[in-house]
């Protein structure tokens, strides 16, 4: 549906009326596999964040609480974690794009020839990339994908960290205010 000229609803209708149920779910498996990308990203970010905060705490006295990440640190860790997640999942991203872009028919010399169904499956695409491009073929276009996703992800995680820190400060301030107000009411 993402690559059709008809738009989402017409593309879905076209797929359901002219294709099979398996055509309607082409790419679903690879899309489910790609849900691991943000899971990897947030896991790497949290691990890097914990290590950085632990290093900051070790440098300070042991009795104080750890500092929050600076905006710059959160940005750098966000960029690094998205880069790792994108690198690890990029072969699946490339397969998904190739499956989506695969046309049911190829036009060779004006004659329509059916494309083998195996080229629209994950294993078919993996084999095709391996056969024609080798191992590096799985990472063709990685730089563009990283440029596309890293900046937005780094900004998102930087803003998330700042909102989280601000929220905790507000919660503590409101709690103190309520405790002080409650104490004044009891003494009055």
N, C-alpha and C. Protein backbone atom coordinates (compact mmCIF):
# COMPACT_ATOMS: atom_id res chain seq x y z
N UNK A 1 0.82 -1.19 0.00
CA UNK A 1 0.00 0.00 0.00
C UNK A 1 0.87 1.26 0.00
N UNK A 2 2.06 1.20 0.62
CA UNK A 2 2.90 2.38 0.67
C UNK A 2 3.49 2.72 -0.68
N UNK A 3 3.65 1.75 -1.56
CA UNK A 3 4.28 2.01 -2.84
C UNK A 3 3.29 2.11 -3.99
N UNK A 4 2.01 1.96 -3.73
CA UNK A 4 1.02 2.01 -4.80
C UNK A 4 0.67 3.45 -5.16
N UNK A 5 0.32 3.67 -6.40
CA UNK A 5 -0.05 5.00 -6.86
C UNK A 5 -1.49 5.33 -6.49
N UNK A 6 -2.27 4.36 -6.04
CA UNK A 6 -3.68 4.55 -5.78
C UNK A 6 -3.97 5.16 -4.42
N UNK A 7 -3.03 5.14 -3.52
CA UNK A 7 -3.31 5.58 -2.17
C UNK A 7 -3.65 4.38 -1.30
N UNK A 8 -3.79 4.63 -0.02
CA UNK A 8 -3.95 3.52 0.93
C UNK A 8 -5.24 2.74 0.73
N UNK A 9 -6.37 3.40 0.69
CA UNK A 9 -7.63 2.64 0.62
C UNK A 9 -7.79 1.95 -0.72
N UNK A 10 -7.47 2.62 -1.81
CA UNK A 10 -7.59 1.99 -3.13
C UNK A 10 -6.55 0.89 -3.29
N UNK A 11 -5.35 1.10 -2.74
CA UNK A 11 -4.31 0.07 -2.80
C UNK A 11 -4.73 -1.18 -2.04
N UNK A 12 -5.33 -1.00 -0.87
CA UNK A 12 -5.82 -2.14 -0.09
C UNK A 12 -6.93 -2.85 -0.84
N UNK A 13 -7.87 -2.09 -1.38
CA UNK A 13 -8.98 -2.69 -2.13
C UNK A 13 -8.45 -3.47 -3.33
N UNK A 14 -7.50 -2.89 -4.04
CA UNK A 14 -6.91 -3.54 -5.20
C UNK A 14 -6.22 -4.84 -4.79
N UNK A 15 -5.48 -4.82 -3.70
CA UNK A 15 -4.77 -6.01 -3.23
C UNK A 15 -5.77 -7.10 -2.82
N UNK A 16 -6.83 -6.71 -2.11
CA UNK A 16 -7.79 -7.71 -1.64
C UNK A 16 -8.64 -8.29 -2.77
N UNK A 17 -8.97 -7.49 -3.78
CA UNK A 17 -9.83 -7.99 -4.85
C UNK A 17 -9.06 -8.73 -5.93
N UNK A 18 -7.82 -8.30 -6.21
CA UNK A 18 -7.07 -8.92 -7.30
C UNK A 18 -6.01 -9.90 -6.82
N UNK A 19 -5.62 -9.80 -5.57
CA UNK A 19 -4.56 -10.66 -5.05
C UNK A 19 -5.09 -11.71 -4.11
N UNK A 20 -4.17 -12.38 -3.47
CA UNK A 20 -4.54 -13.41 -2.49
C UNK A 20 -4.33 -12.85 -1.08
N UNK A 21 -4.73 -13.65 -0.09
CA UNK A 21 -4.54 -13.22 1.29
C UNK A 21 -3.05 -13.07 1.60
N UNK A 22 -2.21 -13.91 1.02
CA UNK A 22 -0.78 -13.78 1.28
C UNK A 22 -0.24 -12.49 0.68
N UNK A 23 -0.81 -12.03 -0.45
CA UNK A 23 -0.41 -10.74 -1.02
C UNK A 23 -0.77 -9.59 -0.08
N UNK A 24 -1.91 -9.72 0.59
CA UNK A 24 -2.35 -8.67 1.50
C UNK A 24 -1.42 -8.54 2.71
N UNK A 25 -0.72 -9.62 3.04
CA UNK A 25 0.15 -9.60 4.22
C UNK A 25 1.62 -9.70 3.86
N UNK A 26 1.97 -9.41 2.59
CA UNK A 26 3.38 -9.36 2.21
C UNK A 26 4.11 -8.36 3.08
N UNK A 27 5.21 -8.76 3.63
CA UNK A 27 6.02 -7.85 4.43
C UNK A 27 5.62 -7.76 5.89
N UNK A 28 4.54 -8.46 6.29
CA UNK A 28 4.12 -8.38 7.69
C UNK A 28 5.17 -8.98 8.62
N UNK A 29 5.71 -10.12 8.24
CA UNK A 29 6.72 -10.77 9.09
C UNK A 29 7.94 -9.90 9.30
N UNK A 30 8.41 -9.30 8.23
CA UNK A 30 9.60 -8.45 8.34
C UNK A 30 9.28 -7.18 9.13
N UNK A 31 8.05 -6.68 8.99
CA UNK A 31 7.65 -5.50 9.78
C UNK A 31 7.61 -5.84 11.27
N UNK A 32 7.12 -7.02 11.59
CA UNK A 32 7.11 -7.45 13.00
C UNK A 32 8.54 -7.60 13.52
N UNK A 33 9.43 -8.13 12.69
CA UNK A 33 10.83 -8.26 13.08
C UNK A 33 11.44 -6.88 13.35
N UNK A 34 11.05 -5.90 12.56
CA UNK A 34 11.62 -4.56 12.71
C UNK A 34 11.13 -3.81 13.94
N UNK A 35 10.15 -4.36 14.64
CA UNK A 35 9.76 -3.74 15.91
C UNK A 35 10.90 -3.85 16.93
N UNK A 36 11.88 -4.69 16.64
CA UNK A 36 13.04 -4.81 17.52
C UNK A 36 13.93 -3.57 17.45
N UNK A 37 13.83 -2.76 16.38
CA UNK A 37 14.69 -1.59 16.24
C UNK A 37 14.55 -0.62 17.42
N UNK A 38 13.35 -0.15 17.76
CA UNK A 38 13.26 0.74 18.92
C UNK A 38 13.59 0.03 20.24
N UNK A 39 13.31 -1.26 20.32
CA UNK A 39 13.66 -2.00 21.54
C UNK A 39 15.18 -2.00 21.74
N UNK A 40 15.90 -2.24 20.66
CA UNK A 40 17.37 -2.20 20.72
C UNK A 40 17.83 -0.79 21.06
N UNK A 41 17.25 0.20 20.38
CA UNK A 41 17.64 1.59 20.59
C UNK A 41 17.48 2.01 22.05
N UNK A 42 16.32 1.75 22.64
CA UNK A 42 16.08 2.18 24.02
C UNK A 42 16.91 1.37 25.02
N UNK A 43 17.15 0.11 24.73
CA UNK A 43 18.00 -0.69 25.61
C UNK A 43 19.43 -0.16 25.60
N UNK A 44 19.97 0.11 24.41
CA UNK A 44 21.33 0.66 24.31
C UNK A 44 21.39 2.02 24.99
N UNK A 45 20.38 2.87 24.75
CA UNK A 45 20.36 4.20 25.37
C UNK A 45 20.37 4.08 26.90
N UNK A 46 19.50 3.23 27.44
CA UNK A 46 19.43 3.08 28.91
C UNK A 46 20.72 2.53 29.48
N UNK A 47 21.34 1.57 28.79
CA UNK A 47 22.61 1.01 29.28
C UNK A 47 23.72 2.08 29.27
N UNK A 48 23.80 2.83 28.17
CA UNK A 48 24.81 3.89 28.09
C UNK A 48 24.54 4.98 29.13
N UNK A 49 23.29 5.31 29.32
CA UNK A 49 22.91 6.33 30.30
C UNK A 49 23.30 5.89 31.71
N UNK A 50 23.00 4.63 32.06
CA UNK A 50 23.34 4.14 33.39
C UNK A 50 24.85 4.16 33.62
N UNK A 51 25.62 3.78 32.61
CA UNK A 51 27.08 3.80 32.75
C UNK A 51 27.61 5.22 32.92
N UNK A 52 27.08 6.14 32.13
CA UNK A 52 27.52 7.53 32.23
C UNK A 52 27.16 8.13 33.58
N UNK A 53 25.94 7.88 34.05
CA UNK A 53 25.54 8.41 35.36
C UNK A 53 26.34 7.77 36.49
N UNK A 54 26.67 6.47 36.34
CA UNK A 54 27.47 5.79 37.36
C UNK A 54 28.87 6.41 37.42
N UNK A 55 29.43 6.72 36.25
CA UNK A 55 30.75 7.37 36.22
C UNK A 55 30.69 8.74 36.88
N UNK A 56 29.64 9.49 36.64
CA UNK A 56 29.48 10.81 37.27
C UNK A 56 29.34 10.66 38.78
N UNK A 57 28.60 9.65 39.22
CA UNK A 57 28.40 9.42 40.65
C UNK A 57 29.71 9.00 41.32
N UNK A 58 30.49 8.16 40.65
CA UNK A 58 31.77 7.73 41.20
C UNK A 58 32.74 8.90 41.36
N UNK A 59 32.65 9.88 40.48
CA UNK A 59 33.53 11.04 40.57
C UNK A 59 33.11 11.99 41.69
N UNK A 60 31.82 11.97 42.01
CA UNK A 60 31.31 12.81 43.10
C UNK A 60 31.35 12.02 44.40
N UNK A 61 30.94 12.64 45.48
CA UNK A 61 30.90 11.92 46.75
C UNK A 61 29.80 10.86 46.71
N UNK A 62 30.01 9.79 47.43
CA UNK A 62 29.14 8.62 47.37
C UNK A 62 27.74 8.88 47.94
N UNK A 63 27.58 9.88 48.78
CA UNK A 63 26.30 10.10 49.44
C UNK A 63 25.28 10.84 48.59
N UNK A 64 25.70 11.49 47.53
CA UNK A 64 24.76 12.29 46.75
C UNK A 64 24.09 11.46 45.67
N UNK A 65 22.99 11.97 45.19
CA UNK A 65 22.25 11.25 44.15
C UNK A 65 22.88 11.53 42.78
N UNK A 66 22.70 10.63 41.83
CA UNK A 66 23.32 10.83 40.52
C UNK A 66 22.69 12.01 39.79
N UNK A 67 23.49 12.64 38.97
CA UNK A 67 23.01 13.75 38.17
C UNK A 67 22.17 13.23 37.02
N UNK A 68 21.42 14.12 36.46
CA UNK A 68 20.69 13.80 35.23
C UNK A 68 21.62 14.05 34.05
N UNK A 69 21.25 13.50 32.92
CA UNK A 69 22.04 13.72 31.71
C UNK A 69 21.89 15.17 31.25
N UNK A 70 22.96 15.72 30.75
CA UNK A 70 22.87 17.02 30.12
C UNK A 70 22.20 16.85 28.76
N UNK A 71 21.74 17.95 28.20
CA UNK A 71 21.09 17.88 26.88
C UNK A 71 22.07 17.32 25.85
N UNK A 72 23.31 17.77 25.90
CA UNK A 72 24.31 17.28 24.94
C UNK A 72 24.57 15.79 25.10
N UNK A 73 24.71 15.34 26.36
CA UNK A 73 24.94 13.91 26.61
C UNK A 73 23.77 13.07 26.13
N UNK A 74 22.55 13.51 26.39
CA UNK A 74 21.37 12.78 25.94
C UNK A 74 21.32 12.73 24.42
N UNK A 75 21.67 13.84 23.77
CA UNK A 75 21.69 13.88 22.31
C UNK A 75 22.71 12.88 21.74
N UNK A 76 23.92 12.89 22.31
CA UNK A 76 24.98 11.99 21.82
C UNK A 76 24.60 10.53 22.06
N UNK A 77 24.09 10.23 23.25
CA UNK A 77 23.68 8.85 23.55
C UNK A 77 22.51 8.43 22.67
N UNK A 78 21.59 9.35 22.39
CA UNK A 78 20.47 9.05 21.50
C UNK A 78 20.95 8.74 20.09
N UNK A 79 21.90 9.53 19.61
CA UNK A 79 22.46 9.29 18.27
C UNK A 79 23.20 7.96 18.21
N UNK A 80 23.99 7.69 19.24
CA UNK A 80 24.75 6.43 19.26
C UNK A 80 23.82 5.22 19.34
N UNK A 81 22.80 5.31 20.18
CA UNK A 81 21.90 4.16 20.34
C UNK A 81 21.08 3.91 19.08
N UNK A 82 20.67 4.97 18.39
CA UNK A 82 19.92 4.78 17.14
C UNK A 82 20.83 4.23 16.05
N UNK A 83 22.08 4.66 16.04
CA UNK A 83 23.04 4.13 15.06
C UNK A 83 23.25 2.63 15.25
N UNK A 84 23.39 2.21 16.50
CA UNK A 84 23.56 0.79 16.79
C UNK A 84 22.32 0.00 16.36
N UNK A 85 21.14 0.49 16.72
CA UNK A 85 19.90 -0.21 16.37
C UNK A 85 19.72 -0.28 14.86
N UNK A 86 20.03 0.81 14.17
CA UNK A 86 19.88 0.83 12.71
C UNK A 86 20.88 -0.12 12.06
N UNK A 87 22.12 -0.13 12.53
CA UNK A 87 23.12 -1.04 11.98
C UNK A 87 22.69 -2.50 12.16
N UNK A 88 22.21 -2.84 13.34
CA UNK A 88 21.84 -4.23 13.61
C UNK A 88 20.60 -4.69 12.83
N UNK A 89 19.68 -3.78 12.57
CA UNK A 89 18.44 -4.17 11.89
C UNK A 89 18.41 -3.78 10.42
N UNK A 90 19.47 -3.15 9.92
CA UNK A 90 19.43 -2.65 8.54
C UNK A 90 19.23 -3.74 7.49
N UNK A 91 19.83 -4.92 7.62
CA UNK A 91 19.52 -5.94 6.60
C UNK A 91 18.02 -6.23 6.49
N UNK A 92 17.32 -6.23 7.61
CA UNK A 92 15.86 -6.44 7.58
C UNK A 92 15.15 -5.23 6.97
N UNK A 93 15.64 -4.02 7.26
CA UNK A 93 15.06 -2.82 6.68
C UNK A 93 15.20 -2.87 5.17
N UNK A 94 16.38 -3.25 4.70
CA UNK A 94 16.61 -3.33 3.25
C UNK A 94 15.71 -4.37 2.61
N UNK A 95 15.56 -5.52 3.26
CA UNK A 95 14.67 -6.57 2.74
C UNK A 95 13.24 -6.04 2.64
N UNK A 96 12.79 -5.34 3.67
CA UNK A 96 11.41 -4.82 3.66
C UNK A 96 11.20 -3.87 2.50
N UNK A 97 12.15 -2.97 2.28
CA UNK A 97 12.04 -2.01 1.18
C UNK A 97 12.02 -2.74 -0.16
N UNK A 98 12.86 -3.74 -0.30
CA UNK A 98 12.92 -4.48 -1.57
C UNK A 98 11.64 -5.27 -1.80
N UNK A 99 11.06 -5.82 -0.75
CA UNK A 99 9.79 -6.55 -0.88
C UNK A 99 8.69 -5.58 -1.27
N UNK A 100 8.66 -4.41 -0.63
CA UNK A 100 7.62 -3.42 -0.93
C UNK A 100 7.75 -2.89 -2.35
N UNK A 101 8.97 -2.70 -2.80
CA UNK A 101 9.19 -2.12 -4.12
C UNK A 101 9.06 -3.15 -5.25
N UNK A 102 9.03 -4.44 -4.90
CA UNK A 102 8.94 -5.48 -5.93
C UNK A 102 7.59 -5.40 -6.63
N UNK A 103 7.63 -5.35 -7.92
CA UNK A 103 6.41 -5.33 -8.73
C UNK A 103 6.03 -6.77 -9.07
N UNK A 104 4.76 -7.05 -9.22
CA UNK A 104 4.35 -8.41 -9.58
C UNK A 104 4.78 -8.79 -10.99
N UNK A 105 4.96 -7.80 -11.83
CA UNK A 105 5.38 -8.07 -13.21
C UNK A 105 6.58 -7.21 -13.56
N UNK A 106 7.46 -7.76 -14.37
CA UNK A 106 8.57 -7.00 -14.90
C UNK A 106 8.35 -6.83 -16.38
N UNK A 107 8.74 -5.70 -16.92
CA UNK A 107 8.57 -5.43 -18.33
C UNK A 107 9.92 -5.60 -19.03
N UNK A 108 10.10 -6.68 -19.74
CA UNK A 108 11.31 -6.93 -20.50
C UNK A 108 10.96 -6.85 -21.98
N UNK A 109 11.52 -5.88 -22.65
CA UNK A 109 11.30 -5.71 -24.09
C UNK A 109 9.82 -5.62 -24.43
N UNK A 110 9.06 -4.95 -23.58
CA UNK A 110 7.64 -4.77 -23.84
C UNK A 110 6.78 -5.98 -23.53
N UNK A 111 7.37 -7.07 -23.05
CA UNK A 111 6.62 -8.29 -22.74
C UNK A 111 6.55 -8.43 -21.23
N UNK A 112 5.34 -8.57 -20.71
CA UNK A 112 5.17 -8.76 -19.27
C UNK A 112 5.52 -10.19 -18.91
N UNK A 113 6.41 -10.33 -17.94
CA UNK A 113 6.79 -11.67 -17.47
C UNK A 113 6.54 -11.71 -15.96
N UNK A 114 5.92 -12.75 -15.47
CA UNK A 114 5.69 -12.82 -14.02
C UNK A 114 7.00 -12.97 -13.26
N UNK A 115 7.08 -12.26 -12.16
CA UNK A 115 8.25 -12.37 -11.28
C UNK A 115 8.06 -13.60 -10.40
N UNK A 116 9.11 -14.36 -10.19
CA UNK A 116 8.97 -15.51 -9.28
C UNK A 116 8.56 -15.05 -7.89
N UNK A 117 7.63 -15.75 -7.27
CA UNK A 117 7.10 -15.40 -5.95
C UNK A 117 8.22 -15.34 -4.91
N UNK A 118 9.29 -16.13 -5.07
CA UNK A 118 10.36 -16.17 -4.08
C UNK A 118 11.06 -14.83 -3.93
N UNK A 119 11.00 -13.95 -4.94
CA UNK A 119 11.64 -12.65 -4.82
C UNK A 119 10.84 -11.70 -3.95
N UNK A 120 9.61 -12.05 -3.60
CA UNK A 120 8.82 -11.21 -2.71
C UNK A 120 8.77 -11.76 -1.29
N UNK A 121 9.55 -12.77 -1.01
CA UNK A 121 9.64 -13.31 0.34
C UNK A 121 10.96 -12.86 0.96
N UNK A 122 11.04 -12.90 2.27
CA UNK A 122 12.26 -12.50 2.96
C UNK A 122 13.42 -13.39 2.52
N UNK A 123 13.21 -14.69 2.51
CA UNK A 123 14.30 -15.59 2.10
C UNK A 123 14.69 -15.36 0.64
N UNK A 124 13.71 -15.10 -0.21
CA UNK A 124 14.01 -14.82 -1.61
C UNK A 124 14.84 -13.56 -1.78
N UNK A 125 14.49 -12.52 -1.04
CA UNK A 125 15.23 -11.27 -1.12
C UNK A 125 16.63 -11.44 -0.52
N UNK A 126 16.73 -12.13 0.61
CA UNK A 126 18.05 -12.39 1.21
C UNK A 126 18.96 -13.13 0.23
N UNK A 127 18.42 -14.15 -0.41
CA UNK A 127 19.20 -14.92 -1.37
C UNK A 127 19.61 -14.04 -2.55
N UNK A 128 18.69 -13.23 -3.03
CA UNK A 128 18.97 -12.36 -4.17
C UNK A 128 20.08 -11.36 -3.85
N UNK A 129 20.01 -10.75 -2.66
CA UNK A 129 21.06 -9.80 -2.26
C UNK A 129 22.39 -10.51 -2.12
N UNK A 130 22.39 -11.65 -1.46
CA UNK A 130 23.62 -12.41 -1.25
C UNK A 130 24.25 -12.80 -2.58
N UNK A 131 23.43 -13.27 -3.49
CA UNK A 131 23.92 -13.75 -4.79
C UNK A 131 24.46 -12.60 -5.64
N UNK A 132 23.78 -11.48 -5.65
CA UNK A 132 24.18 -10.40 -6.56
C UNK A 132 25.16 -9.39 -5.94
N UNK A 133 25.12 -9.20 -4.61
CA UNK A 133 25.93 -8.14 -4.01
C UNK A 133 26.85 -8.60 -2.89
N UNK A 134 26.68 -9.81 -2.40
CA UNK A 134 27.50 -10.29 -1.29
C UNK A 134 27.07 -9.68 0.04
N UNK A 135 27.92 -9.83 1.04
CA UNK A 135 27.61 -9.38 2.40
C UNK A 135 27.39 -7.87 2.45
N UNK A 136 28.20 -7.11 1.73
CA UNK A 136 28.06 -5.65 1.76
C UNK A 136 26.73 -5.19 1.18
N UNK A 137 26.10 -6.01 0.36
CA UNK A 137 24.80 -5.68 -0.20
C UNK A 137 23.72 -5.53 0.85
N UNK A 138 23.88 -6.22 1.97
CA UNK A 138 22.90 -6.12 3.05
C UNK A 138 22.94 -4.74 3.71
N UNK A 139 24.03 -4.01 3.50
CA UNK A 139 24.20 -2.70 4.13
C UNK A 139 24.22 -1.56 3.11
N UNK A 140 23.81 -1.84 1.88
CA UNK A 140 23.75 -0.82 0.84
C UNK A 140 22.68 0.21 1.22
N UNK A 141 23.08 1.47 1.29
CA UNK A 141 22.17 2.53 1.68
C UNK A 141 22.13 2.79 3.18
N UNK A 142 22.98 2.14 3.95
CA UNK A 142 22.99 2.31 5.41
C UNK A 142 23.26 3.76 5.82
N UNK A 143 24.20 4.41 5.13
CA UNK A 143 24.55 5.79 5.49
C UNK A 143 23.33 6.70 5.37
N UNK A 144 22.58 6.56 4.30
CA UNK A 144 21.40 7.39 4.12
C UNK A 144 20.35 7.11 5.19
N UNK A 145 20.18 5.84 5.55
CA UNK A 145 19.21 5.48 6.59
C UNK A 145 19.63 6.06 7.94
N UNK A 146 20.91 6.01 8.24
CA UNK A 146 21.40 6.56 9.51
C UNK A 146 21.20 8.08 9.53
N UNK A 147 21.55 8.75 8.42
CA UNK A 147 21.33 10.19 8.36
C UNK A 147 19.86 10.54 8.53
N UNK A 148 19.00 9.73 7.97
CA UNK A 148 17.56 9.98 8.03
C UNK A 148 17.01 9.82 9.45
N UNK A 149 17.48 8.83 10.18
CA UNK A 149 16.86 8.49 11.45
C UNK A 149 17.59 9.01 12.69
N UNK A 150 18.91 9.18 12.61
CA UNK A 150 19.68 9.48 13.82
C UNK A 150 19.37 10.85 14.39
N UNK A 151 19.30 11.86 13.55
CA UNK A 151 19.06 13.22 14.06
C UNK A 151 17.73 13.32 14.79
N UNK A 152 16.67 12.81 14.16
CA UNK A 152 15.35 12.89 14.81
C UNK A 152 15.32 12.09 16.10
N UNK A 153 15.96 10.93 16.09
CA UNK A 153 15.97 10.10 17.29
C UNK A 153 16.78 10.74 18.42
N UNK A 154 17.92 11.32 18.06
CA UNK A 154 18.75 11.98 19.07
C UNK A 154 18.01 13.16 19.69
N UNK A 155 17.34 13.95 18.86
CA UNK A 155 16.55 15.07 19.38
C UNK A 155 15.41 14.57 20.26
N UNK A 156 14.74 13.51 19.84
CA UNK A 156 13.64 12.94 20.62
C UNK A 156 14.11 12.52 22.00
N UNK A 157 15.22 11.80 22.07
CA UNK A 157 15.71 11.31 23.36
C UNK A 157 16.24 12.46 24.23
N UNK A 158 16.82 13.47 23.61
CA UNK A 158 17.29 14.64 24.37
C UNK A 158 16.09 15.35 25.00
N UNK A 159 15.04 15.58 24.21
CA UNK A 159 13.85 16.25 24.72
C UNK A 159 13.16 15.40 25.78
N UNK A 160 13.09 14.09 25.56
CA UNK A 160 12.49 13.17 26.54
C UNK A 160 13.21 13.25 27.88
N UNK A 161 14.54 13.26 27.84
CA UNK A 161 15.32 13.35 29.09
C UNK A 161 15.05 14.66 29.81
N UNK A 162 14.98 15.75 29.07
CA UNK A 162 14.73 17.05 29.69
C UNK A 162 13.32 17.12 30.27
N UNK A 163 12.34 16.58 29.57
CA UNK A 163 10.97 16.56 30.08
C UNK A 163 10.88 15.68 31.32
N UNK A 164 11.55 14.53 31.29
CA UNK A 164 11.55 13.63 32.45
C UNK A 164 12.16 14.32 33.67
N UNK A 165 13.29 14.98 33.48
CA UNK A 165 13.95 15.67 34.60
C UNK A 165 13.09 16.81 35.14
N UNK A 166 12.49 17.57 34.24
CA UNK A 166 11.63 18.67 34.66
C UNK A 166 10.40 18.16 35.40
N UNK A 167 9.84 17.07 34.92
CA UNK A 167 8.67 16.48 35.57
C UNK A 167 9.00 16.07 37.00
N UNK A 168 10.16 15.42 37.20
CA UNK A 168 10.54 15.01 38.55
C UNK A 168 10.75 16.22 39.47
N UNK A 169 11.35 17.26 38.94
CA UNK A 169 11.55 18.47 39.75
C UNK A 169 10.20 19.05 40.15
N UNK A 170 9.26 19.10 39.20
CA UNK A 170 7.92 19.61 39.51
C UNK A 170 7.19 18.75 40.52
N UNK A 171 7.31 17.45 40.40
CA UNK A 171 6.64 16.53 41.35
C UNK A 171 7.20 16.73 42.76
N UNK A 172 8.51 16.84 42.86
CA UNK A 172 9.13 17.05 44.18
C UNK A 172 8.70 18.40 44.76
N UNK A 173 8.67 19.42 43.92
CA UNK A 173 8.27 20.76 44.39
C UNK A 173 6.81 20.76 44.85
N UNK A 174 5.93 20.13 44.09
CA UNK A 174 4.51 20.05 44.47
C UNK A 174 4.35 19.27 45.76
N UNK A 175 5.08 18.19 45.89
CA UNK A 175 5.00 17.38 47.11
C UNK A 175 5.44 18.17 48.33
N UNK A 176 6.55 18.89 48.19
CA UNK A 176 7.03 19.72 49.31
C UNK A 176 6.00 20.80 49.66
N UNK A 177 5.44 21.41 48.65
CA UNK A 177 4.43 22.45 48.87
C UNK A 177 3.23 21.87 49.62
N UNK A 178 2.76 20.70 49.18
CA UNK A 178 1.61 20.08 49.84
C UNK A 178 1.93 19.68 51.27
N UNK A 179 3.13 19.18 51.51
CA UNK A 179 3.52 18.82 52.87
C UNK A 179 3.61 20.06 53.76
N UNK A 180 4.16 21.15 53.22
CA UNK A 180 4.24 22.40 53.99
C UNK A 180 2.84 22.94 54.27
N UNK A 181 1.97 22.92 53.29
CA UNK A 181 0.60 23.40 53.45
C UNK A 181 -0.14 22.56 54.47
N UNK A 182 0.05 21.27 54.39
CA UNK A 182 -0.59 20.34 55.32
C UNK A 182 -0.09 20.58 56.75
N UNK A 183 1.22 20.82 56.90
CA UNK A 183 1.80 21.09 58.21
C UNK A 183 1.28 22.39 58.81
N UNK A 184 1.08 23.39 57.98
CA UNK A 184 0.56 24.69 58.44
C UNK A 184 -0.91 24.55 58.87
N UNK A 185 -1.66 23.75 58.14
CA UNK A 185 -3.07 23.53 58.48
C UNK A 185 -3.21 22.81 59.82
N UNK A 186 -2.33 21.84 60.07
CA UNK A 186 -2.40 21.09 61.34
C UNK A 186 -2.02 21.98 62.52
N UNK A 187 -1.05 22.85 62.32
CA UNK A 187 -0.61 23.71 63.42
C UNK A 187 -1.58 24.87 63.67
N UNK A 188 -2.43 25.18 62.72
CA UNK A 188 -3.36 26.30 62.88
C UNK A 188 -4.57 25.94 63.64
